[in-house]
Amino acid sequence: MNAGEYPIKRLIHCAKPAILSIIKIDKYALAFVRRFIMYKSNNNKFGVPQGFIEGAIKDRQNITADWLSLEQLIDGVKVREVKNVCKRQGGVLTEVFRSDWGLDDGVVDQIFQNMLAPGEVSGWHAHQLTTDRIFVNYGRLRIGLYDARSASTTFGKYNEMHFGTDRPALLLIPPGVWHAVQNNTSEPAALLNAVDRAYRYEDPDHWRLPIDTPQIPVRFL
């Protein structure tokens, strides 16, 4: 027997109960975790006895607790939600645009208002150079966005948004992103657009497609 063999064997012999105890604890812990997972799975199961109908699909989370959308935005599209401020004297104050919101470089070359009658649709259009900053200042509007830029990381993506006086927001739309607007209510609605490049009367930076164009794989209406 080697000189060091007996102490090593003795050490293993003394440590054996502790090792077995740890293994036993791990087995109990593993069994507990398995039982807990099975309990949660069974407890959350929506089966036929509880009213489940074959083919039903459970909703996935699409908003945060602050009611902010989890949908990925088209590259370059930005949204700044704005809070209405109830004044002491009555009425409501709402900010429309601030350069320190940091949505872009903050250049505003022109601001115009577009009023849409009930049911009116402003069809698909895009700009080569102009950045739109849209703010729905009256009523409620539905806005569709489609990324047709082949060099974009979100090429082919579609976003749809609903803004209005109930929940105001400033929407930034970069050049090359096609957009359509619909007033799908029974009341008039209006938007403000604070563009970074004023409308050129002699050479409009406006490119248009019919609302039902097959070139955009989204049925807006």
Protein backbone atom coordinates (compact mmCIF):
# COMPACT_ATOMS: atom_id res chain seq x y z
CA MET A 1 0.00 0.00 0.00
CA ASN A 2 1.33 3.42 -0.87
CA ALA A 3 1.90 5.82 1.94
CA GLY A 4 -0.80 8.21 0.76
CA GLU A 5 -3.39 5.59 -0.23
CA TYR A 6 -4.88 4.99 3.25
CA PRO A 7 -5.57 8.69 4.04
CA ILE A 8 -7.24 9.14 0.63
CA LYS A 9 -9.47 6.09 1.15
CA ARG A 10 -10.32 7.27 4.63
CA LEU A 11 -11.15 10.74 3.30
CA ILE A 12 -13.47 9.22 0.67
CA HIS A 13 -15.07 7.00 3.30
CA CYS A 14 -15.72 9.97 5.60
CA ALA A 15 -17.03 12.17 2.80
CA LYS A 16 -19.31 9.49 1.32
CA PRO A 17 -22.35 10.24 3.55
CA ALA A 18 -22.16 13.94 2.75
CA ILE A 19 -21.87 13.25 -1.00
CA LEU A 20 -24.84 10.87 -0.91
CA SER A 21 -26.80 13.43 1.08
CA ILE A 22 -26.13 16.13 -1.54
CA ILE A 23 -27.12 13.75 -4.35
CA LYS A 24 -30.32 12.88 -2.47
CA ILE A 25 -31.13 16.57 -1.94
CA ASP A 26 -30.53 17.25 -5.63
CA LYS A 27 -32.87 14.40 -6.53
CA TYR A 28 -35.58 15.79 -4.24
CA ALA A 29 -35.05 19.30 -5.65
CA LEU A 30 -35.26 18.00 -9.21
CA ALA A 31 -38.40 16.06 -8.42
CA PHE A 32 -39.94 19.16 -6.79
CA VAL A 33 -39.16 21.29 -9.84
CA ARG A 34 -40.70 18.67 -12.12
CA ARG A 35 -43.85 18.46 -9.99
CA PHE A 36 -44.11 22.26 -9.90
CA ILE A 37 -43.82 22.53 -13.69
CA MET A 38 -46.44 19.81 -14.15
CA TYR A 39 -48.73 21.57 -11.67
CA LYS A 40 -48.40 24.91 -13.44
CA SER A 41 -48.95 23.27 -16.82
CA ASN A 42 -52.06 21.45 -15.65
CA ASN A 43 -53.32 24.46 -13.70
CA ASN A 44 -53.03 26.73 -16.75
CA LYS A 45 -54.40 24.22 -19.23
CA PHE A 46 -57.53 25.36 -21.02
CA GLY A 47 -59.23 22.13 -21.99
CA VAL A 48 -62.59 21.00 -23.29
CA PRO A 49 -64.08 20.74 -19.75
CA GLN A 50 -63.24 24.44 -19.28
CA GLY A 51 -64.78 25.44 -22.63
CA PHE A 52 -61.86 25.15 -25.06
CA ILE A 53 -62.81 24.73 -28.73
CA GLU A 54 -60.43 22.96 -31.10
CA GLY A 55 -58.50 25.40 -33.30
CA ALA A 56 -58.64 28.32 -30.86
CA ILE A 57 -55.35 30.24 -30.61
CA LYS A 58 -54.27 32.11 -27.47
CA ASP A 59 -53.37 35.79 -27.83
CA ARG A 60 -49.70 36.65 -27.47
CA GLN A 61 -48.51 39.79 -25.71
CA ASN A 62 -48.44 42.76 -28.10
CA ILE A 63 -48.43 45.72 -25.68
CA THR A 64 -46.67 46.69 -22.46
CA ALA A 65 -48.35 47.56 -19.17
CA ASP A 66 -48.14 51.19 -20.32
CA TRP A 67 -50.08 50.28 -23.48
CA LEU A 68 -47.09 50.76 -25.73
CA SER A 69 -46.91 48.51 -28.78
CA LEU A 70 -44.29 45.76 -28.88
CA GLU A 71 -44.44 45.61 -32.67
CA GLN A 72 -41.14 46.28 -34.41
CA LEU A 73 -41.24 49.60 -36.20
CA ILE A 74 -40.08 50.05 -39.76
CA ASP A 75 -36.46 51.24 -39.79
CA GLY A 76 -36.41 55.03 -39.39
CA VAL A 77 -40.06 55.30 -38.33
CA LYS A 78 -40.40 56.87 -34.89
CA VAL A 79 -43.33 57.55 -32.59
CA ARG A 80 -43.48 60.07 -29.77
CA GLU A 81 -46.64 59.72 -27.72
CA VAL A 82 -47.79 62.97 -26.15
CA LYS A 83 -49.89 63.48 -23.03
CA ASN A 84 -52.88 65.78 -23.02
CA VAL A 85 -52.66 68.33 -20.20
CA CYS A 86 -55.94 69.30 -18.55
CA LYS A 87 -55.77 73.01 -17.71
CA ARG A 88 -57.07 74.55 -14.49
CA GLN A 89 -59.18 76.97 -16.47
CA GLY A 90 -60.71 74.12 -18.44
CA GLY A 91 -59.80 72.75 -21.83
CA VAL A 92 -56.75 70.75 -22.85
CA LEU A 93 -53.22 71.70 -23.89
CA THR A 94 -51.26 69.34 -26.17
CA GLU A 95 -47.70 69.70 -27.43
CA VAL A 96 -47.29 68.92 -31.12
CA PHE A 97 -43.54 69.13 -31.78
CA ARG A 98 -40.34 69.81 -29.89
CA SER A 99 -36.83 69.59 -31.33
CA ASP A 100 -35.51 68.27 -28.00
CA TRP A 101 -37.66 65.15 -28.39
CA GLY A 102 -34.76 64.04 -30.57
CA LEU A 103 -36.76 62.25 -33.25
CA ASP A 104 -34.49 63.71 -35.94
CA ASP A 105 -32.43 66.84 -36.58
CA GLY A 106 -35.48 69.01 -35.85
CA VAL A 107 -35.57 71.01 -39.11
CA VAL A 108 -39.13 72.19 -39.90
CA ASP A 109 -39.48 73.84 -43.30
CA GLN A 110 -43.29 73.83 -43.60
CA ILE A 111 -46.38 72.91 -41.57
CA PHE A 112 -49.71 72.16 -43.19
CA GLN A 113 -53.05 70.72 -42.14
CA ASN A 114 -54.98 68.05 -44.01
CA MET A 115 -58.68 67.59 -43.17
CA LEU A 116 -60.24 64.23 -44.03
CA ALA A 117 -64.00 63.80 -44.32
CA PRO A 118 -65.68 60.74 -42.74
CA GLY A 119 -64.59 57.65 -44.68
CA GLU A 120 -62.04 59.56 -46.77
CA VAL A 121 -58.78 57.83 -47.70
CA SER A 122 -55.48 59.41 -48.68
CA GLY A 123 -53.94 56.69 -50.88
CA TRP A 124 -50.47 55.23 -50.92
CA HIS A 125 -47.76 57.83 -51.38
CA ALA A 126 -44.07 58.24 -50.60
CA HIS A 127 -41.32 60.85 -50.83
CA GLN A 128 -37.84 60.56 -52.23
CA LEU A 129 -36.35 63.32 -50.07
CA THR A 130 -38.94 64.59 -47.61
CA THR A 131 -39.45 63.42 -44.03
CA ASP A 132 -43.03 63.60 -42.75
CA ARG A 133 -43.89 64.34 -39.14
CA ILE A 134 -47.60 63.62 -38.77
CA PHE A 135 -49.71 64.67 -35.80
CA VAL A 136 -53.44 63.90 -35.72
CA ASN A 137 -54.81 67.08 -34.18
CA TYR A 138 -58.53 66.38 -34.56
CA GLY A 139 -60.61 63.22 -34.56
CA ARG A 140 -59.04 59.82 -35.15
CA LEU A 141 -57.10 58.40 -38.11
CA ARG A 142 -55.77 55.03 -39.22
CA ILE A 143 -52.29 55.13 -40.75
CA GLY A 144 -50.62 52.33 -42.73
CA LEU A 145 -46.88 52.22 -43.46
CA TYR A 146 -45.02 49.96 -45.88
CA ASP A 147 -41.23 49.72 -46.26
CA ALA A 148 -40.35 49.33 -49.94
CA ARG A 149 -36.65 50.18 -49.50
CA SER A 150 -34.67 47.14 -50.63
CA ALA A 151 -31.62 48.31 -48.65
CA SER A 152 -33.62 48.61 -45.40
CA THR A 153 -33.31 46.10 -42.57
CA THR A 154 -37.13 46.05 -42.42
CA PHE A 155 -37.72 45.76 -46.17
CA GLY A 156 -41.27 44.49 -46.83
CA LYS A 157 -42.52 45.24 -43.31
CA TYR A 158 -45.93 46.79 -42.65
CA ASN A 159 -46.96 48.89 -39.64
CA GLU A 160 -50.46 50.09 -38.83
CA MET A 161 -51.24 52.76 -36.26
CA HIS A 162 -54.26 54.59 -34.89
CA PHE A 163 -53.83 58.08 -33.46
CA GLY A 164 -56.12 60.94 -32.55
CA THR A 165 -57.14 63.49 -29.96
CA ASP A 166 -57.86 60.62 -27.54
CA ARG A 167 -54.25 59.47 -27.71
CA PRO A 168 -52.04 62.00 -29.49
CA ALA A 169 -48.64 61.16 -30.94
CA LEU A 170 -46.10 62.53 -33.38
CA LEU A 171 -45.27 60.03 -36.13
CA LEU A 172 -42.04 60.43 -38.09
CA ILE A 173 -42.00 58.81 -41.55
CA PRO A 174 -38.66 58.79 -43.42
CA PRO A 175 -38.28 59.04 -47.20
CA GLY A 176 -39.01 55.84 -49.11
CA VAL A 177 -41.66 54.56 -46.68
CA TRP A 178 -45.07 54.39 -48.34
CA HIS A 179 -48.03 55.51 -46.27
CA ALA A 180 -51.80 55.71 -46.50
CA VAL A 181 -54.27 57.45 -44.19
CA GLN A 182 -57.92 56.67 -43.55
CA ASN A 183 -60.61 58.41 -41.55
CA ASN A 184 -62.60 55.33 -40.59
CA THR A 185 -64.96 57.23 -38.31
CA SER A 186 -68.24 59.07 -38.87
CA GLU A 187 -66.73 62.43 -37.90
CA PRO A 188 -64.20 64.71 -39.68
CA ALA A 189 -60.55 64.29 -38.74
CA ALA A 190 -57.42 66.32 -39.38
CA LEU A 191 -53.67 65.95 -39.25
CA LEU A 192 -50.77 68.37 -39.11
CA ASN A 193 -47.61 67.59 -41.07
CA ALA A 194 -44.37 69.33 -40.07
CA VAL A 195 -42.08 68.44 -42.96
CA ASP A 196 -38.35 69.03 -43.15
CA ARG A 197 -38.58 70.06 -46.80
CA ALA A 198 -41.31 72.45 -47.96
CA TYR A 199 -43.55 71.44 -50.85
CA ARG A 200 -41.95 72.33 -54.18
CA TYR A 201 -44.76 73.60 -56.40
CA GLU A 202 -42.70 73.26 -59.57
CA ASP A 203 -41.29 69.81 -58.68
CA PRO A 204 -43.40 67.99 -56.04
CA ASP A 205 -41.61 65.27 -54.09
CA HIS A 206 -44.75 63.10 -54.14
CA TRP A 207 -44.98 59.62 -55.63
CA ARG A 208 -48.39 57.93 -55.65
CA LEU A 209 -49.94 54.50 -56.14
CA PRO A 210 -53.62 53.43 -56.11
CA ILE A 211 -54.89 52.28 -52.73
CA ASP A 212 -55.51 48.79 -54.14
CA THR A 213 -52.17 48.48 -55.94
CA PRO A 214 -50.76 44.94 -56.15
CA GLN A 215 -47.29 46.48 -55.81
CA ILE A 216 -47.87 46.76 -52.05
CA PRO A 217 -48.77 43.36 -50.56
CA VAL A 218 -51.15 44.84 -48.00
CA ARG A 219 -54.87 45.30 -48.40
CA PHE A 220 -55.44 48.63 -46.69
CA LEU A 221 -59.18 48.75 -47.41
